[in-house]
Amino acid sequence: MTLFSTDGCHLCEQAWRLLEQTGLAADTDIKDIIDDERWLAAYAVRIPVLRRADGAELDWPFTAADLIDFSRVTS
């Protein structure tokens, strides 16, 4: 999964802590939206946003239970 974030975003820090608490941080990359104009345009007012490999996205606010459910890709 990918967490779209940026430096100084306290909500992004909370989201990362939830990922750590649920054991999902190791399988999650962090992308700073400032590094790509497309990410900045798409996520500037939405971060933190978690995206699965299949393109599904989970917007903040989310809970630990939401993260666990979201991490389980259904067919």
N, C-alpha and C. Protein backbone atom coordinates (compact mmCIF):
# COMPACT_ATOMS: atom_id res chain seq x y z
N MET A 1 0.84 -1.17 0.00
CA MET A 1 0.00 0.00 0.00
C MET A 1 0.88 1.23 0.00
N THR A 2 0.27 2.36 -0.31
CA THR A 2 0.97 3.64 -0.33
C THR A 2 0.19 4.63 0.51
N LEU A 3 0.91 5.33 1.38
CA LEU A 3 0.32 6.42 2.15
C LEU A 3 0.78 7.72 1.53
N PHE A 4 -0.17 8.50 1.02
CA PHE A 4 0.14 9.82 0.48
C PHE A 4 0.08 10.80 1.64
N SER A 5 1.17 11.57 1.77
CA SER A 5 1.39 12.37 2.96
C SER A 5 2.24 13.58 2.58
N THR A 6 2.60 14.38 3.57
CA THR A 6 3.59 15.43 3.39
C THR A 6 4.17 15.80 4.75
N ASP A 7 5.33 16.41 4.73
CA ASP A 7 5.99 16.82 5.97
C ASP A 7 5.13 17.83 6.72
N GLY A 8 5.10 17.68 8.04
CA GLY A 8 4.37 18.62 8.88
C GLY A 8 2.88 18.38 8.98
N CYS A 9 2.39 17.31 8.40
CA CYS A 9 0.97 16.99 8.43
C CYS A 9 0.69 16.12 9.65
N HIS A 10 0.07 16.71 10.68
CA HIS A 10 -0.17 15.95 11.91
C HIS A 10 -1.16 14.81 11.70
N LEU A 11 -2.09 14.96 10.77
CA LEU A 11 -3.03 13.87 10.48
C LEU A 11 -2.30 12.71 9.82
N CYS A 12 -1.33 13.03 8.98
CA CYS A 12 -0.52 12.00 8.33
C CYS A 12 0.30 11.23 9.36
N GLU A 13 0.81 11.95 10.35
CA GLU A 13 1.55 11.30 11.43
C GLU A 13 0.64 10.36 12.22
N GLN A 14 -0.59 10.78 12.47
CA GLN A 14 -1.55 9.92 13.16
C GLN A 14 -1.86 8.68 12.33
N ALA A 15 -2.02 8.87 11.03
CA ALA A 15 -2.31 7.74 10.14
C ALA A 15 -1.15 6.74 10.17
N TRP A 16 0.09 7.24 10.13
CA TRP A 16 1.26 6.36 10.16
C TRP A 16 1.30 5.58 11.47
N ARG A 17 1.01 6.24 12.58
CA ARG A 17 0.99 5.54 13.87
C ARG A 17 -0.04 4.41 13.86
N LEU A 18 -1.20 4.65 13.26
CA LEU A 18 -2.21 3.58 13.14
C LEU A 18 -1.68 2.43 12.29
N LEU A 19 -0.97 2.76 11.22
CA LEU A 19 -0.38 1.71 10.38
C LEU A 19 0.63 0.90 11.19
N GLU A 20 1.41 1.57 12.01
CA GLU A 20 2.37 0.87 12.86
C GLU A 20 1.66 -0.01 13.89
N GLN A 21 0.63 0.52 14.52
CA GLN A 21 -0.11 -0.22 15.54
C GLN A 21 -0.78 -1.47 14.98
N THR A 22 -1.20 -1.41 13.74
CA THR A 22 -1.88 -2.55 13.12
C THR A 22 -0.93 -3.51 12.43
N GLY A 23 0.36 -3.18 12.43
CA GLY A 23 1.34 -4.04 11.78
C GLY A 23 1.39 -3.89 10.28
N LEU A 24 0.79 -2.84 9.75
CA LEU A 24 0.73 -2.66 8.30
C LEU A 24 1.81 -1.71 7.77
N ALA A 25 2.54 -1.06 8.66
CA ALA A 25 3.55 -0.08 8.22
C ALA A 25 4.64 -0.71 7.37
N ALA A 26 5.03 -1.93 7.71
CA ALA A 26 6.11 -2.59 6.97
C ALA A 26 5.75 -2.83 5.51
N ASP A 27 4.46 -2.94 5.23
CA ASP A 27 4.00 -3.18 3.86
C ASP A 27 3.49 -1.91 3.18
N THR A 28 3.82 -0.75 3.75
CA THR A 28 3.30 0.52 3.24
C THR A 28 4.44 1.47 2.91
N ASP A 29 4.40 2.02 1.70
CA ASP A 29 5.34 3.06 1.28
C ASP A 29 4.72 4.42 1.57
N ILE A 30 5.56 5.38 1.92
CA ILE A 30 5.08 6.75 2.11
C ILE A 30 5.52 7.57 0.91
N LYS A 31 4.59 8.28 0.31
CA LYS A 31 4.90 9.18 -0.80
C LYS A 31 4.53 10.59 -0.38
N ASP A 32 5.50 11.50 -0.50
CA ASP A 32 5.25 12.90 -0.19
C ASP A 32 4.63 13.55 -1.42
N ILE A 33 3.44 14.10 -1.26
CA ILE A 33 2.72 14.65 -2.42
C ILE A 33 3.45 15.83 -3.05
N ILE A 34 4.36 16.44 -2.32
CA ILE A 34 5.11 17.57 -2.86
C ILE A 34 6.08 17.12 -3.95
N ASP A 35 6.39 15.82 -4.01
CA ASP A 35 7.36 15.29 -4.97
C ASP A 35 6.79 15.09 -6.37
N ASP A 36 5.48 15.23 -6.54
CA ASP A 36 4.87 14.97 -7.85
C ASP A 36 3.66 15.90 -8.01
N GLU A 37 3.66 16.66 -9.07
CA GLU A 37 2.57 17.62 -9.30
C GLU A 37 1.20 16.94 -9.36
N ARG A 38 1.16 15.73 -9.92
CA ARG A 38 -0.12 15.00 -10.01
C ARG A 38 -0.62 14.62 -8.63
N TRP A 39 0.30 14.15 -7.77
CA TRP A 39 -0.08 13.80 -6.41
C TRP A 39 -0.56 15.04 -5.66
N LEU A 40 0.15 16.15 -5.84
CA LEU A 40 -0.23 17.39 -5.17
C LEU A 40 -1.62 17.82 -5.60
N ALA A 41 -1.90 17.75 -6.89
CA ALA A 41 -3.23 18.14 -7.39
C ALA A 41 -4.32 17.21 -6.87
N ALA A 42 -4.02 15.93 -6.79
CA ALA A 42 -5.03 14.94 -6.40
C ALA A 42 -5.26 14.88 -4.89
N TYR A 43 -4.22 15.13 -4.10
CA TYR A 43 -4.31 14.84 -2.67
C TYR A 43 -4.11 16.03 -1.74
N ALA A 44 -3.87 17.22 -2.27
CA ALA A 44 -3.52 18.37 -1.44
C ALA A 44 -4.50 18.61 -0.29
N VAL A 45 -5.78 18.46 -0.55
CA VAL A 45 -6.78 18.71 0.50
C VAL A 45 -7.35 17.42 1.07
N ARG A 46 -6.79 16.28 0.67
CA ARG A 46 -7.33 14.98 1.11
C ARG A 46 -6.42 14.22 2.04
N ILE A 47 -5.13 14.54 2.09
CA ILE A 47 -4.19 13.72 2.85
C ILE A 47 -4.54 13.69 4.32
N PRO A 48 -4.22 12.57 4.94
CA PRO A 48 -3.59 11.36 4.43
C PRO A 48 -4.58 10.48 3.67
N VAL A 49 -4.07 9.87 2.63
CA VAL A 49 -4.85 8.93 1.82
C VAL A 49 -4.02 7.66 1.66
N LEU A 50 -4.66 6.54 1.88
CA LEU A 50 -4.01 5.24 1.72
C LEU A 50 -4.53 4.61 0.45
N ARG A 51 -3.60 4.14 -0.40
CA ARG A 51 -3.99 3.50 -1.66
C ARG A 51 -3.46 2.07 -1.70
N ARG A 52 -4.36 1.15 -2.08
CA ARG A 52 -3.96 -0.24 -2.29
C ARG A 52 -3.40 -0.39 -3.69
N ALA A 53 -2.75 -1.52 -3.94
CA ALA A 53 -2.17 -1.81 -5.25
C ALA A 53 -3.23 -1.86 -6.35
N ASP A 54 -4.47 -2.20 -5.98
CA ASP A 54 -5.54 -2.26 -6.99
C ASP A 54 -6.14 -0.89 -7.29
N GLY A 55 -5.61 0.17 -6.65
CA GLY A 55 -6.07 1.53 -6.92
C GLY A 55 -7.15 2.04 -5.96
N ALA A 56 -7.70 1.17 -5.13
CA ALA A 56 -8.71 1.60 -4.17
C ALA A 56 -8.05 2.52 -3.14
N GLU A 57 -8.79 3.53 -2.71
CA GLU A 57 -8.25 4.50 -1.77
C GLU A 57 -9.12 4.62 -0.52
N LEU A 58 -8.45 4.89 0.59
CA LEU A 58 -9.10 5.10 1.88
C LEU A 58 -8.69 6.48 2.37
N ASP A 59 -9.68 7.37 2.48
CA ASP A 59 -9.41 8.73 2.93
C ASP A 59 -9.52 8.83 4.44
N TRP A 60 -8.76 9.76 5.00
CA TRP A 60 -8.84 10.10 6.41
C TRP A 60 -10.19 10.76 6.67
N PRO A 61 -10.83 10.53 7.79
CA PRO A 61 -10.34 9.79 8.95
C PRO A 61 -10.62 8.30 8.82
N PHE A 62 -9.70 7.49 9.33
CA PHE A 62 -9.92 6.05 9.40
C PHE A 62 -9.40 5.53 10.72
N THR A 63 -9.94 4.39 11.10
CA THR A 63 -9.58 3.75 12.36
C THR A 63 -8.67 2.55 12.09
N ALA A 64 -8.15 1.96 13.15
CA ALA A 64 -7.36 0.75 13.01
C ALA A 64 -8.18 -0.35 12.36
N ALA A 65 -9.45 -0.47 12.76
CA ALA A 65 -10.33 -1.49 12.16
C ALA A 65 -10.53 -1.22 10.68
N ASP A 66 -10.69 0.05 10.31
CA ASP A 66 -10.82 0.41 8.88
C ASP A 66 -9.58 -0.01 8.10
N LEU A 67 -8.41 0.22 8.68
CA LEU A 67 -7.16 -0.15 8.01
C LEU A 67 -7.06 -1.65 7.79
N ILE A 68 -7.40 -2.41 8.80
CA ILE A 68 -7.33 -3.87 8.68
C ILE A 68 -8.30 -4.35 7.60
N ASP A 69 -9.52 -3.84 7.62
CA ASP A 69 -10.49 -4.22 6.58
C ASP A 69 -10.00 -3.81 5.19
N PHE A 70 -9.46 -2.60 5.08
CA PHE A 70 -9.00 -2.09 3.79
C PHE A 70 -7.81 -2.89 3.25
N SER A 71 -6.98 -3.36 4.16
CA SER A 71 -5.78 -4.11 3.73
C SER A 71 -6.10 -5.47 3.15
N ARG A 72 -7.29 -5.95 3.44
CA ARG A 72 -7.71 -7.25 2.92
C ARG A 72 -8.38 -7.05 1.56
N VAL A 73 -7.66 -7.36 0.53
CA VAL A 73 -8.18 -7.22 -0.83
C VAL A 73 -9.14 -8.36 -1.09
N THR A 74 -10.35 -8.01 -1.50
CA THR A 74 -11.34 -9.04 -1.83
C THR A 74 -11.39 -9.22 -3.33
N SER A 75 -11.77 -10.39 -3.74
CA SER A 75 -11.84 -10.66 -5.18
C SER A 75 -13.24 -10.48 -5.70
